PDB file of N, CA and C in Angstrom:
ATOM      1  N   UNK A   1      -9.822  33.085  -6.502  1.00  0.00           N
ATOM      2  CA  UNK A   1      -9.698  31.671  -6.859  1.00  0.00           C
ATOM      3  C   UNK A   1      -9.753  30.887  -5.596  1.00  0.00           C
ATOM      4  N   UNK A   2     -10.586  29.767  -5.643  1.00  0.00           N
ATOM      5  CA  UNK A   2     -10.738  29.024  -4.456  1.00  0.00           C
ATOM      6  C   UNK A   2      -9.902  27.731  -4.649  1.00  0.00           C
ATOM      7  N   UNK A   3      -9.159  27.346  -3.526  1.00  0.00           N
ATOM      8  CA  UNK A   3      -8.317  26.178  -3.558  1.00  0.00           C
ATOM      9  C   UNK A   3      -8.876  25.070  -2.606  1.00  0.00           C
ATOM     10  N   UNK A   4      -8.950  23.854  -3.082  1.00  0.00           N
ATOM     11  CA  UNK A   4      -9.410  22.765  -2.280  1.00  0.00           C
ATOM     12  C   UNK A   4      -8.239  22.006  -1.752  1.00  0.00           C
ATOM     13  N   UNK A   5      -8.097  21.986  -0.504  1.00  0.00           N
ATOM     14  CA  UNK A   5      -6.895  21.384   0.123  1.00  0.00           C
ATOM     15  C   UNK A   5      -6.805  19.920  -0.215  1.00  0.00           C
ATOM     16  N   UNK A   6      -7.933  19.162  -0.226  1.00  0.00           N
ATOM     17  CA  UNK A   6      -7.885  17.777  -0.563  1.00  0.00           C
ATOM     18  C   UNK A   6      -7.381  17.452  -2.078  1.00  0.00           C
ATOM     19  N   UNK A   7      -7.897  18.340  -2.901  1.00  0.00           N
ATOM     20  CA  UNK A   7      -7.450  18.234  -4.354  1.00  0.00           C
ATOM     21  C   UNK A   7      -5.978  18.532  -4.497  1.00  0.00           C
ATOM     22  N   UNK A   8      -5.425  19.456  -3.774  1.00  0.00           N
ATOM     23  CA  UNK A   8      -4.053  19.755  -3.870  1.00  0.00           C
ATOM     24  C   UNK A   8      -3.154  18.637  -3.260  1.00  0.00           C
ATOM     25  N   UNK A   9      -3.604  18.090  -2.120  1.00  0.00           N
ATOM     26  CA  UNK A   9      -2.941  16.853  -1.565  1.00  0.00           C
ATOM     27  C   UNK A   9      -2.893  15.759  -2.496  1.00  0.00           C
ATOM     28  N   UNK A  10      -3.968  15.554  -3.192  1.00  0.00           N
ATOM     29  CA  UNK A  10      -4.039  14.397  -4.185  1.00  0.00           C
ATOM     30  C   UNK A  10      -3.159  14.671  -5.360  1.00  0.00           C
ATOM     31  N   UNK A  11      -3.087  15.850  -5.805  1.00  0.00           N
ATOM     32  CA  UNK A  11      -2.242  16.293  -6.901  1.00  0.00           C
ATOM     33  C   UNK A  11      -0.777  16.083  -6.597  1.00  0.00           C
ATOM     34  N   UNK A  12      -0.380  16.567  -5.431  1.00  0.00           N
ATOM     35  CA  UNK A  12       1.029  16.393  -4.932  1.00  0.00           C
ATOM     36  C   UNK A  12       1.257  14.930  -4.816  1.00  0.00           C
ATOM     37  N   UNK A  13       0.448  14.144  -4.253  1.00  0.00           N
ATOM     38  CA  UNK A  13       0.610  12.674  -4.154  1.00  0.00           C
ATOM     39  C   UNK A  13       0.736  11.882  -5.418  1.00  0.00           C
ATOM     40  N   UNK A  14      -0.098  12.208  -6.395  1.00  0.00           N
ATOM     41  CA  UNK A  14      -0.032  11.631  -7.691  1.00  0.00           C
ATOM     42  C   UNK A  14       1.267  11.909  -8.333  1.00  0.00           C
ATOM     43  N   UNK A  15       1.796  13.134  -8.225  1.00  0.00           N
ATOM     44  CA  UNK A  15       2.980  13.582  -8.841  1.00  0.00           C
ATOM     45  C   UNK A  15       4.251  12.938  -8.216  1.00  0.00           C
ATOM     46  N   UNK A  16       4.103  12.781  -6.891  1.00  0.00           N
ATOM     47  CA  UNK A  16       5.193  12.090  -6.053  1.00  0.00           C
ATOM     48  C   UNK A  16       5.332  10.615  -6.577  1.00  0.00           C
ATOM     49  N   UNK A  17       4.186   9.955  -6.717  1.00  0.00           N
ATOM     50  CA  UNK A  17       4.136   8.653  -7.151  1.00  0.00           C
ATOM     51  C   UNK A  17       4.753   8.466  -8.537  1.00  0.00           C
ATOM     52  N   UNK A  18       4.268   9.356  -9.453  1.00  0.00           N
ATOM     53  CA  UNK A  18       4.818   9.382 -10.853  1.00  0.00           C
ATOM     54  C   UNK A  18       6.312   9.500 -10.874  1.00  0.00           C
ATOM     55  N   UNK A  19       6.817  10.434 -10.126  1.00  0.00           N
ATOM     56  CA  UNK A  19       8.257  10.609 -10.022  1.00  0.00           C
ATOM     57  C   UNK A  19       9.035   9.443  -9.458  1.00  0.00           C
ATOM     58  N   UNK A  20       8.436   8.902  -8.457  1.00  0.00           N
ATOM     59  CA  UNK A  20       9.036   7.716  -7.683  1.00  0.00           C
ATOM     60  C   UNK A  20       9.107   6.577  -8.661  1.00  0.00           C
ATOM     61  N   UNK A  21       8.046   6.360  -9.430  1.00  0.00           N
ATOM     62  CA  UNK A  21       8.091   5.158 -10.341  1.00  0.00           C
ATOM     63  C   UNK A  21       8.948   5.516 -11.504  1.00  0.00           C
ATOM     64  N   UNK A  22       8.965   6.692 -11.921  1.00  0.00           N
ATOM     65  CA  UNK A  22       9.922   7.066 -13.086  1.00  0.00           C
ATOM     66  C   UNK A  22      11.458   6.784 -12.618  1.00  0.00           C
ATOM     67  N   UNK A  23      11.753   6.966 -11.377  1.00  0.00           N
ATOM     68  CA  UNK A  23      12.998   6.700 -10.919  1.00  0.00           C
ATOM     69  C   UNK A  23      13.259   5.200 -10.461  1.00  0.00           C
ATOM     70  N   UNK A  24      12.263   4.438 -10.671  1.00  0.00           N
ATOM     71  CA  UNK A  24      12.267   3.022 -10.284  1.00  0.00           C
ATOM     72  C   UNK A  24      12.533   2.776  -8.709  1.00  0.00           C
ATOM     73  N   UNK A  25      11.953   3.611  -7.923  1.00  0.00           N
ATOM     74  CA  UNK A  25      12.121   3.510  -6.482  1.00  0.00           C
ATOM     75  C   UNK A  25      10.913   2.903  -5.854  1.00  0.00           C
ATOM     76  N   UNK A  26      11.099   2.180  -4.810  1.00  0.00           N
ATOM     77  CA  UNK A  26      10.061   1.510  -4.053  1.00  0.00           C
ATOM     78  C   UNK A  26       9.497   2.478  -2.995  1.00  0.00           C
ATOM     79  N   UNK A  27       8.392   2.120  -2.393  1.00  0.00           N
ATOM     80  CA  UNK A  27       7.844   2.901  -1.285  1.00  0.00           C
ATOM     81  C   UNK A  27       8.772   2.822  -0.107  1.00  0.00           C
ATOM     82  N   UNK A  28       9.399   1.700   0.093  1.00  0.00           N
ATOM     83  CA  UNK A  28      10.460   1.592   1.235  1.00  0.00           C
ATOM     84  C   UNK A  28      11.592   2.468   1.077  1.00  0.00           C
ATOM     85  N   UNK A  29      12.114   2.572  -0.151  1.00  0.00           N
ATOM     86  CA  UNK A  29      13.229   3.530  -0.376  1.00  0.00           C
ATOM     87  C   UNK A  29      12.887   4.972  -0.070  1.00  0.00           C
ATOM     88  N   UNK A  30      11.742   5.339  -0.478  1.00  0.00           N
ATOM     89  CA  UNK A  30      11.222   6.727  -0.292  1.00  0.00           C
ATOM     90  C   UNK A  30      10.964   6.956   1.184  1.00  0.00           C
ATOM     91  N   UNK A  31      10.428   5.950   1.881  1.00  0.00           N
ATOM     92  CA  UNK A  31      10.108   5.962   3.236  1.00  0.00           C
ATOM     93  C   UNK A  31      11.318   6.105   4.156  1.00  0.00           C
ATOM     94  N   UNK A  32      12.386   5.474   3.678  1.00  0.00           N
ATOM     95  CA  UNK A  32      13.625   5.599   4.476  1.00  0.00           C
ATOM     96  C   UNK A  32      14.178   6.955   4.447  1.00  0.00           C
ATOM     97  N   UNK A  33      14.143   7.653   3.191  1.00  0.00           N
ATOM     98  CA  UNK A  33      14.589   8.951   2.973  1.00  0.00           C
ATOM     99  C   UNK A  33      13.742   9.943   3.909  1.00  0.00           C
ATOM    100  N   UNK A  34      12.480   9.765   3.911  1.00  0.00           N
ATOM    101  CA  UNK A  34      11.585  10.554   4.624  1.00  0.00           C
ATOM    102  C   UNK A  34      11.429  10.304   6.107  1.00  0.00           C
ATOM    103  N   UNK A  35      12.072   9.128   6.509  1.00  0.00           N
ATOM    104  CA  UNK A  35      12.015   8.655   7.829  1.00  0.00           C
ATOM    105  C   UNK A  35      10.581   8.439   8.330  1.00  0.00           C
ATOM    106  N   UNK A  36       9.812   7.724   7.454  1.00  0.00           N
ATOM    107  CA  UNK A  36       8.387   7.343   7.790  1.00  0.00           C
ATOM    108  C   UNK A  36       8.285   5.912   7.328  1.00  0.00           C
ATOM    109  N   UNK A  37       7.093   5.324   7.590  1.00  0.00           N
ATOM    110  CA  UNK A  37       6.784   3.984   7.149  1.00  0.00           C
ATOM    111  C   UNK A  37       6.463   3.979   5.661  1.00  0.00           C
ATOM    112  N   UNK A  38       6.491   2.859   5.015  1.00  0.00           N
ATOM    113  CA  UNK A  38       6.174   2.864   3.537  1.00  0.00           C
ATOM    114  C   UNK A  38       4.687   2.974   3.478  1.00  0.00           C
ATOM    115  N   UNK A  39       3.894   2.625   4.538  1.00  0.00           N
ATOM    116  CA  UNK A  39       2.474   2.884   4.496  1.00  0.00           C
ATOM    117  C   UNK A  39       2.143   4.401   4.544  1.00  0.00           C
ATOM    118  N   UNK A  40       2.994   5.197   5.238  1.00  0.00           N
ATOM    119  CA  UNK A  40       2.817   6.633   5.254  1.00  0.00           C
ATOM    120  C   UNK A  40       3.076   7.211   3.915  1.00  0.00           C
ATOM    121  N   UNK A  41       4.067   6.721   3.168  1.00  0.00           N
ATOM    122  CA  UNK A  41       4.373   7.167   1.811  1.00  0.00           C
ATOM    123  C   UNK A  41       3.153   6.966   1.010  1.00  0.00           C
ATOM    124  N   UNK A  42       2.612   5.733   1.054  1.00  0.00           N
ATOM    125  CA  UNK A  42       1.334   5.335   0.303  1.00  0.00           C
ATOM    126  C   UNK A  42       0.270   6.335   0.642  1.00  0.00           C
ATOM    127  N   UNK A  43       0.023   6.785   1.854  1.00  0.00           N
ATOM    128  CA  UNK A  43      -0.945   7.708   2.216  1.00  0.00           C
ATOM    129  C   UNK A  43      -0.705   9.033   1.499  1.00  0.00           C
ATOM    130  N   UNK A  44       0.524   9.468   1.485  1.00  0.00           N
ATOM    131  CA  UNK A  44       0.926  10.764   0.785  1.00  0.00           C
ATOM    132  C   UNK A  44       0.643  10.608  -0.618  1.00  0.00           C
ATOM    133  N   UNK A  45       0.977   9.469  -1.250  1.00  0.00           N
ATOM    134  CA  UNK A  45       0.651   9.332  -2.690  1.00  0.00           C
ATOM    135  C   UNK A  45      -0.765   9.237  -3.006  1.00  0.00           C
ATOM    136  N   UNK A  46      -1.628   8.763  -2.097  1.00  0.00           N
ATOM    137  CA  UNK A  46      -3.110   8.655  -2.318  1.00  0.00           C
ATOM    138  C   UNK A  46      -3.806  10.001  -2.027  1.00  0.00           C
ATOM    139  N   UNK A  47      -3.072  10.871  -1.348  1.00  0.00           N
ATOM    140  CA  UNK A  47      -3.652  12.105  -0.928  1.00  0.00           C
ATOM    141  C   UNK A  47      -4.412  12.030   0.323  1.00  0.00           C
ATOM    142  N   UNK A  48      -4.414  10.791   1.027  1.00  0.00           N
ATOM    143  CA  UNK A  48      -5.079  10.687   2.276  1.00  0.00           C
ATOM    144  C   UNK A  48      -4.401  11.531   3.394  1.00  0.00           C
ATOM    145  N   UNK A  49      -3.072  11.686   3.340  1.00  0.00           N
ATOM    146  CA  UNK A  49      -2.379  12.504   4.336  1.00  0.00           C
ATOM    147  C   UNK A  49      -1.562  13.602   3.458  1.00  0.00           C
ATOM    148  N   UNK A  50      -1.414  14.674   4.048  1.00  0.00           N
ATOM    149  CA  UNK A  50      -0.688  15.781   3.376  1.00  0.00           C
ATOM    150  C   UNK A  50       0.902  15.686   3.699  1.00  0.00           C
ATOM    151  N   UNK A  51       1.626  16.085   2.765  1.00  0.00           N
ATOM    152  CA  UNK A  51       3.111  16.050   2.907  1.00  0.00           C
ATOM    153  C   UNK A  51       3.491  17.432   3.437  1.00  0.00           C
ATOM    154  N   UNK A  52       4.273  17.416   4.549  1.00  0.00           N
ATOM    155  CA  UNK A  52       4.628  18.613   5.138  1.00  0.00           C
ATOM    156  C   UNK A  52       5.588  19.370   4.284  1.00  0.00           C
ATOM    157  N   UNK A  53       5.827  20.581   4.531  1.00  0.00           N
ATOM    158  CA  UNK A  53       6.791  21.389   3.783  1.00  0.00           C
ATOM    159  C   UNK A  53       8.183  20.867   3.922  1.00  0.00           C
ATOM    160  N   UNK A  54       8.540  20.418   5.038  1.00  0.00           N
ATOM    161  CA  UNK A  54       9.864  19.923   5.325  1.00  0.00           C
ATOM    162  C   UNK A  54      10.071  18.592   4.543  1.00  0.00           C
ATOM    163  N   UNK A  55       9.130  17.709   4.539  1.00  0.00           N
ATOM    164  CA  UNK A  55       9.191  16.508   3.732  1.00  0.00           C
ATOM    165  C   UNK A  55       9.177  16.705   2.213  1.00  0.00           C
ATOM    166  N   UNK A  56       8.391  17.664   1.924  1.00  0.00           N
ATOM    167  CA  UNK A  56       8.320  18.111   0.486  1.00  0.00           C
ATOM    168  C   UNK A  56       9.713  18.627   0.044  1.00  0.00           C
ATOM    169  N   UNK A  57      10.378  19.326   0.847  1.00  0.00           N
ATOM    170  CA  UNK A  57      11.728  19.768   0.555  1.00  0.00           C
ATOM    171  C   UNK A  57      12.776  18.600   0.409  1.00  0.00           C
ATOM    172  N   UNK A  58      12.627  17.671   1.385  1.00  0.00           N
ATOM    173  CA  UNK A  58      13.515  16.520   1.410  1.00  0.00           C
ATOM    174  C   UNK A  58      13.358  15.641   0.114  1.00  0.00           C
ATOM    175  N   UNK A  59      12.136  15.323  -0.192  1.00  0.00           N
ATOM    176  CA  UNK A  59      11.770  14.495  -1.309  1.00  0.00           C
ATOM    177  C   UNK A  59      12.113  15.135  -2.684  1.00  0.00           C
ATOM    178  N   UNK A  60      11.835  16.513  -2.728  1.00  0.00           N
ATOM    179  CA  UNK A  60      12.176  17.241  -3.914  1.00  0.00           C
ATOM    180  C   UNK A  60      13.702  17.061  -4.288  1.00  0.00           C
ATOM    181  N   UNK A  61      14.543  17.227  -3.266  1.00  0.00           N
ATOM    182  CA  UNK A  61      15.992  17.001  -3.574  1.00  0.00           C
ATOM    183  C   UNK A  61      16.389  15.572  -3.890  1.00  0.00           C
ATOM    184  N   UNK A  62      15.737  14.598  -3.089  1.00  0.00           N
ATOM    185  CA  UNK A  62      15.933  13.254  -3.327  1.00  0.00           C
ATOM    186  C   UNK A  62      15.683  12.785  -4.721  1.00  0.00           C
ATOM    187  N   UNK A  63      14.517  13.286  -5.206  1.00  0.00           N
ATOM    188  CA  UNK A  63      14.085  12.852  -6.583  1.00  0.00           C
ATOM    189  C   UNK A  63      14.563  13.791  -7.609  1.00  0.00           C
ATOM    190  N   UNK A  64      15.267  14.854  -7.254  1.00  0.00           N
ATOM    191  CA  UNK A  64      15.726  15.852  -8.163  1.00  0.00           C
ATOM    192  C   UNK A  64      14.535  16.385  -9.013  1.00  0.00           C
ATOM    193  N   UNK A  65      13.455  16.733  -8.319  1.00  0.00           N
ATOM    194  CA  UNK A  65      12.276  17.123  -8.895  1.00  0.00           C
ATOM    195  C   UNK A  65      11.847  18.557  -8.600  1.00  0.00           C
ATOM    196  N   UNK A  66      11.720  19.355  -9.676  1.00  0.00           N
ATOM    197  CA  UNK A  66      11.409  20.776  -9.419  1.00  0.00           C
ATOM    198  C   UNK A  66      10.033  20.899  -8.659  1.00  0.00           C
ATOM    199  N   UNK A  67       9.930  21.886  -7.860  1.00  0.00           N
ATOM    200  CA  UNK A  67       8.802  22.084  -7.012  1.00  0.00           C
ATOM    201  C   UNK A  67       7.521  22.139  -7.843  1.00  0.00           C
ATOM    202  N   UNK A  68       7.618  22.888  -8.967  1.00  0.00           N
ATOM    203  CA  UNK A  68       6.347  23.067  -9.742  1.00  0.00           C
ATOM    204  C   UNK A  68       5.828  21.748 -10.255  1.00  0.00           C
ATOM    205  N   UNK A  69       6.587  20.715 -10.387  1.00  0.00           N
ATOM    206  CA  UNK A  69       6.110  19.402 -10.866  1.00  0.00           C
ATOM    207  C   UNK A  69       5.303  18.725  -9.827  1.00  0.00           C
ATOM    208  N   UNK A  70       5.362  19.068  -8.573  1.00  0.00           N
ATOM    209  CA  UNK A  70       4.442  18.563  -7.559  1.00  0.00           C
ATOM    210  C   UNK A  70       3.049  18.966  -7.871  1.00  0.00           C
ATOM    211  N   UNK A  71       2.844  20.140  -8.462  1.00  0.00           N
ATOM    212  CA  UNK A  71       1.590  20.716  -8.590  1.00  0.00           C
ATOM    213  C   UNK A  71       0.920  20.696 -10.021  1.00  0.00           C
ATOM    214  N   UNK A  72       1.531  19.905 -10.783  1.00  0.00           N
ATOM    215  CA  UNK A  72       1.038  19.760 -12.145  1.00  0.00           C
ATOM    216  C   UNK A  72      -0.256  18.899 -12.085  1.00  0.00           C
ATOM    217  N   UNK A  73      -1.191  19.329 -12.903  1.00  0.00           N
ATOM    218  CA  UNK A  73      -2.504  18.669 -12.868  1.00  0.00           C
ATOM    219  C   UNK A  73      -2.522  17.588 -13.975  1.00  0.00           C
TER     220      UNK A  73
END
């Protein structure tokens, strides 16, 4: 099975955004938790930049989001 890194980044970003909005959180609030700018969170959500494993761990706990939900298509 071949994996496309860009598609995976987009999938993670879409699901991050879905859960952020579900929790009625702003880009700024998530950025503060991740210690990045709101613009960086926007890049994660669009799939333009990849979310590191450490930041994925932090945001998973902040949103109370199961890991597998990051990878749902």
